[in-house]
C-alpha atoms as a PDB file:
ATOM      1  CA  MET A   1       0.000   0.000   0.000  1.00  0.00           C
ATOM      2  CA  PHE A   2       1.182   3.559  -0.450  1.00  0.00           C
ATOM      3  CA  HIS A   3       0.800   6.641   1.677  1.00  0.00           C
ATOM      4  CA  LYS A   4       1.655  10.304   1.339  1.00  0.00           C
ATOM      5  CA  SER A   5       4.843   9.627   3.300  1.00  0.00           C
ATOM      6  CA  LEU A   6       5.914   6.713   1.096  1.00  0.00           C
ATOM      7  CA  GLY A   7       7.018   6.575  -2.509  1.00  0.00           C
ATOM      8  CA  LEU A   8       6.038   3.995  -5.113  1.00  0.00           C
ATOM      9  CA  THR A   9       8.452   1.830  -7.010  1.00  0.00           C
ATOM     10  CA  GLY A  10       6.183   1.479 -10.028  1.00  0.00           C
ATOM     11  CA  VAL A  11       3.341  -0.556 -11.346  1.00  0.00           C
ATOM     12  CA  ALA A  12       4.929  -3.771 -10.116  1.00  0.00           C
ATOM     13  CA  LEU A  13       4.079  -2.726  -6.580  1.00  0.00           C
ATOM     14  CA  ILE A  14       0.396  -2.699  -7.397  1.00  0.00           C
ATOM     15  CA  ALA A  15       0.478  -6.141  -8.936  1.00  0.00           C
ATOM     16  CA  GLY A  16       2.305  -7.406  -5.878  1.00  0.00           C
ATOM     17  CA  LEU A  17      -0.484  -6.175  -3.665  1.00  0.00           C
ATOM     18  CA  GLY A  18      -2.909  -8.444  -5.443  1.00  0.00           C
ATOM     19  CA  PHE A  19      -5.515  -5.871  -6.496  1.00  0.00           C
ATOM     20  CA  GLY A  20      -4.070  -4.522  -9.730  1.00  0.00           C
ATOM     21  CA  VAL A  21      -5.305  -7.305 -12.013  1.00  0.00           C
ATOM     22  CA  PRO A  22      -9.004  -7.885 -12.659  1.00  0.00           C
ATOM     23  CA  ALA A  23     -10.523 -11.166 -11.628  1.00  0.00           C
ATOM     24  CA  ALA A  24     -10.911 -13.818 -14.284  1.00  0.00           C
ATOM     25  CA  ALA A  25     -14.619 -14.158 -13.585  1.00  0.00           C
ATOM     26  CA  GLN A  26     -16.540 -11.054 -14.637  1.00  0.00           C
ATOM     27  CA  ASP A  27     -20.050 -12.446 -14.857  1.00  0.00           C
ATOM     28  CA  GLN A  28     -22.735 -10.641 -12.921  1.00  0.00           C
ATOM     29  CA  PRO A  29     -23.008 -12.073  -9.400  1.00  0.00           C
ATOM     30  CA  ALA A  30     -26.312 -13.797  -8.762  1.00  0.00           C
ATOM     31  CA  ASP A  31     -27.027 -11.619  -5.713  1.00  0.00           C
ATOM     32  CA  PHE A  32     -25.853  -8.254  -7.065  1.00  0.00           C
ATOM     33  CA  PRO A  33     -27.171  -5.687  -7.480  1.00  0.00           C
ATOM     34  CA  GLN A  34     -30.512  -5.942  -5.731  1.00  0.00           C
ATOM     35  CA  ARG A  35     -30.989  -2.201  -5.225  1.00  0.00           C
ATOM     36  CA  PRO A  36     -29.776   1.001  -6.930  1.00  0.00           C
ATOM     37  CA  ILE A  37     -26.065   1.781  -7.047  1.00  0.00           C
ATOM     38  CA  ASP A  38     -25.101   5.173  -5.652  1.00  0.00           C
ATOM     39  CA  LEU A  39     -22.610   7.322  -7.576  1.00  0.00           C
ATOM     40  CA  ILE A  40     -21.017   9.698  -5.071  1.00  0.00           C
ATOM     41  CA  VAL A  41     -20.006  13.102  -6.444  1.00  0.00           C
ATOM     42  CA  MET A  42     -17.822  15.260  -4.199  1.00  0.00           C
ATOM     43  CA  TYR A  43     -18.738  18.545  -5.890  1.00  0.00           C
ATOM     44  CA  PRO A  44     -21.941  20.574  -6.432  1.00  0.00           C
ATOM     45  CA  ALA A  45     -24.527  19.782  -9.074  1.00  0.00           C
ATOM     46  CA  GLY A  46     -23.852  21.261 -12.487  1.00  0.00           C
ATOM     47  CA  GLY A  47     -20.066  20.947 -12.466  1.00  0.00           C
ATOM     48  CA  ALA A  48     -18.061  18.755 -14.824  1.00  0.00           C
ATOM     49  CA  VAL A  49     -17.820  15.813 -12.399  1.00  0.00           C
ATOM     50  CA  ASP A  50     -21.536  15.959 -11.632  1.00  0.00           C
ATOM     51  CA  VAL A  51     -22.468  16.129 -15.315  1.00  0.00           C
ATOM     52  CA  THR A  52     -20.100  13.225 -15.965  1.00  0.00           C
ATOM     53  CA  ALA A  53     -21.825  11.114 -13.303  1.00  0.00           C
ATOM     54  CA  ARG A  54     -25.364  11.942 -14.396  1.00  0.00           C
ATOM     55  CA  THR A  55     -24.667  11.413 -18.086  1.00  0.00           C
ATOM     56  CA  PHE A  56     -23.038   8.071 -17.339  1.00  0.00           C
ATOM     57  CA  ALA A  57     -25.900   7.023 -15.030  1.00  0.00           C
ATOM     58  CA  GLN A  58     -28.546   7.741 -17.628  1.00  0.00           C
ATOM     59  CA  VAL A  59     -26.845   5.663 -20.307  1.00  0.00           C
ATOM     60  CA  ALA A  60     -25.718   2.918 -17.909  1.00  0.00           C
ATOM     61  CA  GLU A  61     -29.283   2.297 -16.739  1.00  0.00           C
ATOM     62  CA  GLU A  62     -30.313   1.610 -20.329  1.00  0.00           C
ATOM     63  CA  GLU A  63     -27.214  -0.405 -21.215  1.00  0.00           C
ATOM     64  CA  LEU A  64     -27.004  -2.510 -18.035  1.00  0.00           C
ATOM     65  CA  GLY A  65     -30.573  -2.585 -16.762  1.00  0.00           C
ATOM     66  CA  ILE A  66     -29.326  -1.384 -13.368  1.00  0.00           C
ATOM     67  CA  GLU A  67     -30.676   1.647 -11.520  1.00  0.00           C
ATOM     68  CA  PHE A  68     -28.182   4.355 -10.521  1.00  0.00           C
ATOM     69  CA  ARG A  69     -28.577   7.285  -8.156  1.00  0.00           C
ATOM     70  CA  VAL A  70     -26.254  10.289  -8.156  1.00  0.00           C
ATOM     71  CA  GLU A  71     -25.603  11.704  -4.709  1.00  0.00           C
ATOM     72  CA  ASN A  72     -23.730  14.977  -4.183  1.00  0.00           C
ATOM     73  CA  ARG A  73     -21.802  14.926  -0.903  1.00  0.00           C
ATOM     74  CA  VAL A  74     -20.244  18.370  -0.981  1.00  0.00           C
ATOM     75  CA  GLY A  75     -18.132  20.377   1.407  1.00  0.00           C
ATOM     76  CA  GLY A  76     -14.509  21.305   1.930  1.00  0.00           C
ATOM     77  CA  ALA A  77     -13.802  21.391  -1.811  1.00  0.00           C
ATOM     78  CA  GLY A  78     -14.281  17.627  -2.009  1.00  0.00           C
ATOM     79  CA  MET A  79     -13.001  16.707   1.442  1.00  0.00           C
ATOM     80  CA  VAL A  80     -16.427  15.687   2.787  1.00  0.00           C
ATOM     81  CA  GLY A  81     -17.227  13.314  -0.072  1.00  0.00           C
ATOM     82  CA  HIS A  82     -13.763  11.781  -0.187  1.00  0.00           C
ATOM     83  CA  THR A  83     -13.832  11.161   3.558  1.00  0.00           C
ATOM     84  CA  TYR A  84     -17.242   9.507   3.276  1.00  0.00           C
ATOM     85  CA  LEU A  85     -16.099   7.172   0.515  1.00  0.00           C
ATOM     86  CA  ALA A  86     -12.872   6.319   2.331  1.00  0.00           C
ATOM     87  CA  HIS A  87     -14.233   5.684   5.809  1.00  0.00           C
ATOM     88  CA  ASP A  88     -18.038   5.622   5.988  1.00  0.00           C
ATOM     89  CA  ALA A  89     -19.375   3.969   2.842  1.00  0.00           C
ATOM     90  CA  GLU A  90     -20.070   0.251   2.970  1.00  0.00           C
ATOM     91  CA  ALA A  91     -17.658  -1.819   0.875  1.00  0.00           C
ATOM     92  CA  ASP A  92     -20.475  -3.786  -0.726  1.00  0.00           C
ATOM     93  CA  GLY A  93     -20.412  -2.488  -4.310  1.00  0.00           C
ATOM     94  CA  TYR A  94     -23.440  -0.256  -3.887  1.00  0.00           C
ATOM     95  CA  THR A  95     -21.368   2.895  -3.417  1.00  0.00           C
ATOM     96  CA  VAL A  96     -19.082   4.095  -6.197  1.00  0.00           C
ATOM     97  CA  GLY A  97     -17.151   7.354  -6.064  1.00  0.00           C
ATOM     98  CA  VAL A  98     -16.764   9.619  -9.086  1.00  0.00           C
ATOM     99  CA  ILE A  99     -13.283  10.978  -8.426  1.00  0.00           C
ATOM    100  CA  ALA A 100     -11.307  13.778 -10.064  1.00  0.00           C
ATOM    101  CA  ASN A 101      -7.543  13.747  -9.746  1.00  0.00           C
ATOM    102  CA  PRO A 102      -5.142  15.338  -8.998  1.00  0.00           C
ATOM    103  CA  PHE A 103      -7.603  17.194  -6.765  1.00  0.00           C
ATOM    104  CA  MET A 104      -8.072  14.254  -4.411  1.00  0.00           C
ATOM    105  CA  PHE A 105      -4.298  13.704  -4.348  1.00  0.00           C
ATOM    106  CA  THR A 106      -3.644  17.332  -3.401  1.00  0.00           C
ATOM    107  CA  ASP A 107      -6.132  16.893  -0.541  1.00  0.00           C
ATOM    108  CA  ILE A 108      -3.918  14.077   0.698  1.00  0.00           C
ATOM    109  CA  LEU A 109      -0.536  15.659   0.078  1.00  0.00           C
ATOM    110  CA  LEU A 110      -1.171  19.342   0.761  1.00  0.00           C
ATOM    111  CA  ARG A 111      -4.353  19.580   2.842  1.00  0.00           C
ATOM    112  CA  ASP A 112      -3.765  16.744   5.312  1.00  0.00           C
ATOM    113  CA  GLY A 113      -6.985  14.993   4.346  1.00  0.00           C
ATOM    114  CA  PRO A 114      -8.155  12.285   6.788  1.00  0.00           C
ATOM    115  CA  PHE A 115      -7.527   9.559   4.219  1.00  0.00           C
ATOM    116  CA  THR A 116      -4.707   8.201   2.059  1.00  0.00           C
ATOM    117  CA  ALA A 117      -4.469   6.988  -1.512  1.00  0.00           C
ATOM    118  CA  ASP A 118      -4.785   3.458  -0.113  1.00  0.00           C
ATOM    119  CA  ASP A 119      -8.355   4.156   0.998  1.00  0.00           C
ATOM    120  CA  PHE A 120      -9.687   4.155  -2.568  1.00  0.00           C
ATOM    121  CA  ASP A 121      -9.855   1.357  -5.120  1.00  0.00           C
ATOM    122  CA  PRO A 122      -9.959   2.851  -8.649  1.00  0.00           C
ATOM    123  CA  ILE A 123     -11.656   0.512 -11.114  1.00  0.00           C
ATOM    124  CA  VAL A 124     -12.092   2.344 -14.446  1.00  0.00           C
ATOM    125  CA  THR A 125     -11.061   5.652 -16.012  1.00  0.00           C
ATOM    126  CA  VAL A 126     -13.643   7.896 -17.618  1.00  0.00           C
ATOM    127  CA  SER A 127     -11.613  10.723 -19.106  1.00  0.00           C
ATOM    128  CA  PHE A 128      -8.491  12.842 -19.006  1.00  0.00           C
ATOM    129  CA  ASP A 129      -8.775  16.607 -19.539  1.00  0.00           C
ATOM    130  CA  PRO A 130      -5.419  18.280 -20.159  1.00  0.00           C
ATOM    131  CA  VAL A 131      -4.525  21.731 -18.924  1.00  0.00           C
ATOM    132  CA  VAL A 132      -4.609  24.324 -21.698  1.00  0.00           C
ATOM    133  CA  TRP A 133      -2.262  27.339 -21.562  1.00  0.00           C
ATOM    134  CA  VAL A 134      -4.062  30.194 -23.292  1.00  0.00           C
ATOM    135  CA  VAL A 135      -3.586  33.876 -24.229  1.00  0.00           C
ATOM    136  CA  ASN A 136      -5.815  36.759 -25.310  1.00  0.00           C
ATOM    137  CA  ALA A 137      -5.973  37.050 -29.105  1.00  0.00           C
ATOM    138  CA  GLU A 138      -5.919  40.867 -28.918  1.00  0.00           C
ATOM    139  CA  SER A 139      -2.889  41.103 -26.627  1.00  0.00           C
ATOM    140  CA  GLU A 140       0.687  41.793 -27.702  1.00  0.00           C
ATOM    141  CA  ILE A 141       1.420  38.053 -27.581  1.00  0.00           C
ATOM    142  CA  GLY A 142      -1.912  36.931 -29.055  1.00  0.00           C
ATOM    143  CA  ALA A 143      -0.499  36.186 -32.502  1.00  0.00           C
ATOM    144  CA  MET A 144       2.736  34.607 -31.248  1.00  0.00           C
ATOM    145  CA  GLY A 145       3.633  30.947 -31.056  1.00  0.00           C
ATOM    146  CA  PHE A 146       5.035  29.409 -27.885  1.00  0.00           C
ATOM    147  CA  ASP A 147       8.691  30.056 -28.725  1.00  0.00           C
ATOM    148  CA  GLU A 148       7.973  33.681 -29.594  1.00  0.00           C
ATOM    149  CA  ILE A 149       6.070  34.138 -26.349  1.00  0.00           C
ATOM    150  CA  MET A 150       9.008  32.746 -24.401  1.00  0.00           C
ATOM    151  CA  ASP A 151      11.381  35.141 -26.194  1.00  0.00           C
ATOM    152  CA  TYR A 152       9.033  37.972 -25.305  1.00  0.00           C
ATOM    153  CA  ALA A 153       8.838  36.758 -21.685  1.00  0.00           C
ATOM    154  CA  ALA A 154      12.635  36.931 -21.412  1.00  0.00           C
ATOM    155  CA  ASP A 155      12.393  40.728 -21.689  1.00  0.00           C
ATOM    156  CA  HIS A 156       8.908  41.317 -20.283  1.00  0.00           C
ATOM    157  CA  THR A 157       7.509  39.804 -17.086  1.00  0.00           C
ATOM    158  CA  LEU A 158       4.249  38.163 -18.068  1.00  0.00           C
ATOM    159  CA  GLN A 159       1.367  38.157 -15.612  1.00  0.00           C
ATOM    160  CA  VAL A 160      -0.048  34.649 -15.512  1.00  0.00           C
ATOM    161  CA  GLY A 161      -3.273  33.618 -13.812  1.00  0.00           C
ATOM    162  CA  MET A 162      -3.245  30.596 -11.533  1.00  0.00           C
ATOM    163  CA  ASN A 163      -4.882  28.844  -8.594  1.00  0.00           C
ATOM    164  CA  PRO A 164      -2.546  28.377  -5.620  1.00  0.00           C
ATOM    165  CA  ASN A 165      -1.187  24.823  -5.310  1.00  0.00           C
ATOM    166  CA  SER A 166      -3.073  23.667  -8.381  1.00  0.00           C
ATOM    167  CA  MET A 167      -2.245  22.030 -11.694  1.00  0.00           C
ATOM    168  CA  PHE A 168      -2.665  25.430 -13.334  1.00  0.00           C
ATOM    169  CA  LEU A 169       0.190  26.852 -11.271  1.00  0.00           C
ATOM    170  CA  PHE A 170       2.374  23.754 -11.571  1.00  0.00           C
ATOM    171  CA  VAL A 171       2.175  23.737 -15.378  1.00  0.00           C
ATOM    172  CA  SER A 172       3.207  27.386 -15.574  1.00  0.00           C
ATOM    173  CA  GLU A 173       6.096  26.630 -13.209  1.00  0.00           C
ATOM    174  CA  PHE A 174       7.216  23.880 -15.614  1.00  0.00           C
ATOM    175  CA  ILE A 175       7.364  26.502 -18.361  1.00  0.00           C
ATOM    176  CA  GLU A 176       9.479  28.776 -16.170  1.00  0.00           C
ATOM    177  CA  ARG A 177      11.931  26.012 -15.372  1.00  0.00           C
ATOM    178  CA  ALA A 178      12.161  24.666 -18.920  1.00  0.00           C
ATOM    179  CA  ARG A 179      12.603  28.051 -20.602  1.00  0.00           C
ATOM    180  CA  GLY A 180      14.405  30.041 -17.919  1.00  0.00           C
ATOM    181  CA  VAL A 181      11.749  32.742 -17.639  1.00  0.00           C
ATOM    182  CA  THR A 182       9.987  34.212 -14.610  1.00  0.00           C
ATOM    183  CA  PHE A 183       6.267  34.911 -14.460  1.00  0.00           C
ATOM    184  CA  ASP A 184       4.347  37.215 -12.152  1.00  0.00           C
ATOM    185  CA  PHE A 185       1.650  34.877 -10.851  1.00  0.00           C
ATOM    186  CA  ILE A 186      -1.785  36.373 -10.166  1.00  0.00           C
ATOM    187  CA  PRO A 187      -3.923  34.155  -7.891  1.00  0.00           C
ATOM    188  CA  PHE A 188      -7.579  33.347  -8.547  1.00  0.00           C
ATOM    189  CA  ASP A 189     -10.050  31.037  -6.833  1.00  0.00           C
ATOM    190  CA  GLY A 190     -10.714  28.961  -9.938  1.00  0.00           C
ATOM    191  CA  GLY A 191      -9.851  28.470 -13.582  1.00  0.00           C
ATOM    192  CA  ARG A 192     -12.973  30.356 -14.622  1.00  0.00           C
ATOM    193  CA  GLU A 193     -11.889  33.479 -12.754  1.00  0.00           C
ATOM    194  CA  GLY A 194      -8.515  33.406 -14.499  1.00  0.00           C
ATOM    195  CA  VAL A 195     -10.243  33.180 -17.876  1.00  0.00           C
ATOM    196  CA  ILE A 196     -12.413  36.203 -17.068  1.00  0.00           C
ATOM    197  CA  ALA A 197      -9.306  38.170 -16.094  1.00  0.00           C
ATOM    198  CA  LEU A 198      -7.595  37.132 -19.311  1.00  0.00           C
ATOM    199  CA  LEU A 199     -10.564  38.264 -21.397  1.00  0.00           C
ATOM    200  CA  ALA A 200     -10.468  41.623 -19.587  1.00  0.00           C
ATOM    201  CA  GLY A 201      -6.759  42.022 -20.290  1.00  0.00           C
ATOM    202  CA  ASP A 202      -5.842  41.880 -16.601  1.00  0.00           C
ATOM    203  CA  VAL A 203      -3.368  39.005 -17.147  1.00  0.00           C
ATOM    204  CA  ASP A 204      -1.263  37.969 -20.133  1.00  0.00           C
ATOM    205  CA  ALA A 205      -1.924  34.230 -19.974  1.00  0.00           C
ATOM    206  CA  THR A 206      -3.646  31.644 -17.852  1.00  0.00           C
ATOM    207  CA  ALA A 207      -4.038  27.893 -17.558  1.00  0.00           C
ATOM    208  CA  THR A 208      -7.419  26.213 -17.509  1.00  0.00           C
ATOM    209  CA  PHE A 209      -9.473  23.364 -18.960  1.00  0.00           C
ATOM    210  CA  TYR A 210     -10.965  23.355 -22.435  1.00  0.00           C
ATOM    211  CA  THR A 211     -14.556  23.430 -21.202  1.00  0.00           C
ATOM    212  CA  GLU A 212     -13.874  26.825 -19.592  1.00  0.00           C
ATOM    213  CA  ILE A 213     -12.656  28.397 -22.827  1.00  0.00           C
ATOM    214  CA  GLU A 214     -14.407  26.534 -25.637  1.00  0.00           C
ATOM    215  CA  GLN A 215     -16.731  29.395 -26.573  1.00  0.00           C
ATOM    216  CA  TYR A 216     -13.908  31.950 -26.485  1.00  0.00           C
ATOM    217  CA  ILE A 217     -11.679  29.856 -28.719  1.00  0.00           C
ATOM    218  CA  GLU A 218     -14.505  29.325 -31.163  1.00  0.00           C
ATOM    219  CA  ASN A 219     -15.250  33.065 -31.400  1.00  0.00           C
ATOM    220  CA  GLY A 220     -11.574  33.992 -31.621  1.00  0.00           C
ATOM    221  CA  ASP A 221     -11.212  35.860 -28.317  1.00  0.00           C
ATOM    222  CA  LEU A 222      -8.653  33.433 -26.882  1.00  0.00           C
ATOM    223  CA  VAL A 223      -5.836  31.440 -28.451  1.00  0.00           C
ATOM    224  CA  PRO A 224      -4.644  28.078 -27.057  1.00  0.00           C
ATOM    225  CA  VAL A 225      -0.851  27.875 -26.954  1.00  0.00           C
ATOM    226  CA  ALA A 226      -0.103  24.389 -25.595  1.00  0.00           C
ATOM    227  CA  VAL A 227      -1.704  21.471 -23.745  1.00  0.00           C
ATOM    228  CA  THR A 228      -0.481  18.934 -21.208  1.00  0.00           C
ATOM    229  CA  GLY A 229      -0.633  15.174 -21.740  1.00  0.00           C
ATOM    230  CA  ASP A 230       0.896  12.781 -24.218  1.00  0.00           C
ATOM    231  CA  SER A 231      -1.283  13.641 -27.195  1.00  0.00           C
ATOM    232  CA  ARG A 232      -2.981  16.673 -28.641  1.00  0.00           C
ATOM    233  CA  HIS A 233      -6.462  17.561 -27.473  1.00  0.00           C
ATOM    234  CA  PRO A 234      -8.983  16.092 -29.952  1.00  0.00           C
ATOM    235  CA  LEU A 235     -10.758  19.449 -30.169  1.00  0.00           C
ATOM    236  CA  LEU A 236      -7.471  21.371 -30.508  1.00  0.00           C
ATOM    237  CA  PRO A 237      -5.600  19.362 -33.138  1.00  0.00           C
ATOM    238  CA  ASP A 238      -3.409  22.312 -34.145  1.00  0.00           C
ATOM    239  CA  THR A 239      -2.274  23.066 -30.601  1.00  0.00           C
ATOM    240  CA  PRO A 240       0.986  21.326 -29.632  1.00  0.00           C
ATOM    241  CA  THR A 241       1.562  19.444 -26.411  1.00  0.00           C
ATOM    242  CA  PHE A 242       4.072  20.853 -23.957  1.00  0.00           C
ATOM    243  CA  SER A 243       6.161  17.740 -24.543  1.00  0.00           C
ATOM    244  CA  GLU A 244       6.475  18.697 -28.201  1.00  0.00           C
ATOM    245  CA  LEU A 245       7.802  22.077 -27.035  1.00  0.00           C
ATOM    246  CA  GLY A 246      10.382  20.643 -24.652  1.00  0.00           C
ATOM    247  CA  VAL A 247       8.388  21.225 -21.453  1.00  0.00           C
ATOM    248  CA  ALA A 248       7.966  18.125 -19.265  1.00  0.00           C
ATOM    249  CA  ALA A 249       4.215  18.015 -18.741  1.00  0.00           C
ATOM    250  CA  GLY A 250       3.294  14.648 -20.228  1.00  0.00           C
ATOM    251  CA  GLY A 251       1.309  11.807 -18.749  1.00  0.00           C
ATOM    252  CA  GLN A 252      -1.955  12.261 -16.870  1.00  0.00           C
ATOM    253  CA  THR A 253      -0.609  13.920 -13.740  1.00  0.00           C
ATOM    254  CA  TRP A 254      -0.935  17.457 -15.068  1.00  0.00           C
ATOM    255  CA  GLY A 255      -4.609  17.605 -15.901  1.00  0.00           C
ATOM    256  CA  ALA A 256      -7.911  16.264 -14.641  1.00  0.00           C
ATOM    257  CA  THR A 257      -8.447  12.512 -14.632  1.00  0.00           C
ATOM    258  CA  ARG A 258     -11.988  11.424 -13.806  1.00  0.00           C
ATOM    259  CA  PHE A 259     -12.489   7.828 -12.727  1.00  0.00           C
ATOM    260  CA  PHE A 260     -14.737   5.536 -10.728  1.00  0.00           C
ATOM    261  CA  ALA A 261     -13.460   4.213  -7.414  1.00  0.00           C
ATOM    262  CA  LEU A 262     -14.767   1.855  -4.756  1.00  0.00           C
ATOM    263  CA  PRO A 263     -14.177   1.762  -1.026  1.00  0.00           C
ATOM    264  CA  VAL A 264     -11.468  -0.791  -0.328  1.00  0.00           C
ATOM    265  CA  GLY A 265     -12.747  -4.287   0.426  1.00  0.00           C
ATOM    266  CA  VAL A 266     -15.629  -4.761  -2.021  1.00  0.00           C
ATOM    267  CA  PRO A 267     -16.085  -8.519  -2.697  1.00  0.00           C
ATOM    268  CA  GLU A 268     -13.998  -9.497  -5.699  1.00  0.00           C
ATOM    269  CA  ASP A 269     -16.892 -10.833  -7.788  1.00  0.00           C
ATOM    270  CA  ARG A 270     -18.782  -7.556  -7.429  1.00  0.00           C
ATOM    271  CA  ARG A 271     -15.649  -5.485  -7.989  1.00  0.00           C
ATOM    272  CA  ALA A 272     -14.738  -7.354 -11.186  1.00  0.00           C
ATOM    273  CA  PHE A 273     -18.311  -7.123 -12.466  1.00  0.00           C
ATOM    274  CA  LEU A 274     -18.518  -3.367 -11.846  1.00  0.00           C
ATOM    275  CA  ALA A 275     -15.140  -2.732 -13.476  1.00  0.00           C
ATOM    276  CA  GLN A 276     -16.090  -4.586 -16.656  1.00  0.00           C
ATOM    277  CA  ALA A 277     -19.700  -3.377 -16.785  1.00  0.00           C
ATOM    278  CA  PHE A 278     -18.675   0.264 -16.356  1.00  0.00           C
ATOM    279  CA  LEU A 279     -15.981  -0.124 -19.016  1.00  0.00           C
ATOM    280  CA  ASP A 280     -18.508  -1.626 -21.431  1.00  0.00           C
ATOM    281  CA  VAL A 281     -20.756   1.404 -20.958  1.00  0.00           C
ATOM    282  CA  LEU A 282     -17.845   3.823 -21.338  1.00  0.00           C
ATOM    283  CA  GLU A 283     -16.876   2.180 -24.628  1.00  0.00           C
ATOM    284  CA  SER A 284     -20.426   2.174 -26.004  1.00  0.00           C
ATOM    285  CA  ASP A 285     -21.618   4.355 -28.869  1.00  0.00           C
ATOM    286  CA  ALA A 286     -24.531   5.509 -26.726  1.00  0.00           C
ATOM    287  CA  LEU A 287     -22.244   7.034 -24.107  1.00  0.00           C
ATOM    288  CA  ALA A 288     -19.941   8.530 -26.728  1.00  0.00           C
ATOM    289  CA  ASP A 289     -22.930  10.342 -28.214  1.00  0.00           C
ATOM    290  CA  ALA A 290     -24.199  11.445 -24.798  1.00  0.00           C
ATOM    291  CA  PHE A 291     -20.797  12.739 -23.723  1.00  0.00           C
ATOM    292  CA  ALA A 292     -20.327  14.625 -26.986  1.00  0.00           C
ATOM    293  CA  GLU A 293     -23.710  16.277 -26.539  1.00  0.00           C
ATOM    294  CA  ALA A 294     -22.759  17.264 -22.980  1.00  0.00           C
ATOM    295  CA  GLY A 295     -19.403  18.656 -24.104  1.00  0.00           C
ATOM    296  CA  LEU A 296     -17.443  16.018 -22.181  1.00  0.00           C
ATOM    297  CA  THR A 297     -14.330  14.159 -23.250  1.00  0.00           C
ATOM    298  CA  LEU A 298     -14.193  10.367 -23.065  1.00  0.00           C
ATOM    299  CA  THR A 299     -10.957   8.379 -22.804  1.00  0.00           C
ATOM    300  CA  PRO A 300     -11.846   5.142 -20.999  1.00  0.00           C
ATOM    301  CA  ALA A 301      -9.260   2.767 -19.552  1.00  0.00           C
ATOM    302  CA  ASP A 302      -9.714  -0.607 -17.875  1.00  0.00           C
ATOM    303  CA  LEU A 303      -9.052  -1.588 -14.281  1.00  0.00           C
ATOM    304  CA  GLU A 304      -5.413  -2.526 -14.726  1.00  0.00           C
ATOM    305  CA  ALA A 305      -4.519   0.646 -16.649  1.00  0.00           C
ATOM    306  CA  THR A 306      -6.510   2.763 -14.210  1.00  0.00           C
ATOM    307  CA  GLN A 307      -4.714   1.351 -11.197  1.00  0.00           C
ATOM    308  CA  ALA A 308      -1.335   1.811 -12.867  1.00  0.00           C
ATOM    309  CA  ASN A 309      -2.085   5.417 -13.747  1.00  0.00           C
ATOM    310  CA  TYR A 310      -3.396   6.064 -10.232  1.00  0.00           C
ATOM    311  CA  ALA A 311      -0.103   4.912  -8.732  1.00  0.00           C
ATOM    312  CA  GLU A 312       2.106   6.647 -11.280  1.00  0.00           C
ATOM    313  CA  THR A 313       0.378  10.012 -11.073  1.00  0.00           C
ATOM    314  CA  PHE A 314       0.397   9.991  -7.278  1.00  0.00           C
ATOM    315  CA  GLN A 315       4.125   9.328  -7.293  1.00  0.00           C
ATOM    316  CA  ALA A 316       4.801  11.988  -9.936  1.00  0.00           C
ATOM    317  CA  LEU A 317       2.843  14.597  -7.997  1.00  0.00           C
ATOM    318  CA  GLN A 318       4.501  13.674  -4.703  1.00  0.00           C
ATOM    319  CA  ASP A 319       7.954  13.881  -6.307  1.00  0.00           C
ATOM    320  CA  PHE A 320       7.186  17.299  -7.784  1.00  0.00           C
ATOM    321  CA  LEU A 321       5.877  18.671  -4.491  1.00  0.00           C
ATOM    322  CA  GLU A 322       8.981  17.435  -2.708  1.00  0.00           C
ATOM    323  CA  GLU A 323      11.295  18.879  -5.369  1.00  0.00           C
ATOM    324  CA  THR A 324       9.641  22.278  -5.117  1.00  0.00           C
ATOM    325  CA  GLY A 325       9.725  22.337  -1.317  1.00  0.00           C
ATOM    326  CA  ARG A 326       5.985  22.031  -0.829  1.00  0.00           C
ATOM    327  CA  LEU A 327       6.369  18.786   1.150  1.00  0.00           C
END
C-alpha cells in the first residue's frame, strides 16, 4: 500500500499487492445488485464531475438494466465526499465514487486529508482533460507561437493567472523552469476566474481546462498555446503538447483525470463485475454520443490501466511537491 509519506516503485508494486489485475470471472453475481447503485459526487450539481456522473448514469441504466442514483456529498472542496467514501461507505459495491484527480491527491498531500491513496480502489477511467495554456488574441502576444512568447517573456515579465497549489500553477512553473523565464503569478479562486481576467486584459496568460474556454476559442477571443498530456487535445488538433515544445508536462498527472473508485474491500466478484460493466458502458456508442452532446471528453481505460495510472500520477505529484519544497 502507499501513503503520502511513502514513494512507489512502479506498477509492479500494485500487482504485488494483489488488487491490480481484474478477476478472471466477470459475470454478474447472482445476488448483485438488488438495489440502486449510488454514484457519489464530491462537488456541487452542475459541475463537470456531476455532469459526468449523471450522463453516465442515464446511459448505464439503459445499457445494463441497473438503476443508478447520483448523490452529491459536498463540502470542503471535495473533502467531505472523499472522507465519506474512504471511511463511511459500505464496501459492498453499492457505493461508487466519481473521483477527479489530482484534486483528491492534493487533498492528501497538501491539505492533510483524513484519508490516504490506499483508501480508494480505482476501477475504471472515464476521461483525461489536459490543462490548456491560453492567451488573449488581442494582446501583444496573441499572434505569437510558444517560442515567440518565451522570447518575449525573457524581456517582459508576463502576468499569468493561476490557482494556488493547483495544476494550473504547476504547469506554468514547468514553463518557467524549462525556458528560464519568470512569471508574475496572479492568484484566482478557480480556472474560470482566471479566464475572465484574461478576457479583460488583466493578465497575459492563464491555464485552464478546455470546457472553460471553448466558446472563447470558437469566437476567436482566446488562443490556445499548448496542452499537457501525451497527445494533442482532440478538439485542438493544431495546438501542440508541452512535450512537443520541450516542457515536461506529459502523462496524466498534469490535468484532470476522472475515474470511478470503490471503497477498499468490495467482494472481488462484485468489484470485477462493476469494473467490466462500467468499461462496457464507457466504450459504447450511446455514451460517446451522450458525452459529446454534454461537451465532455471520453478516454476510458480498464481496471489494470486505471490502477497503474493512479499509482504513477500519485508518485509523480509527490515527487514534484517534494522537489519544489511544498512537502
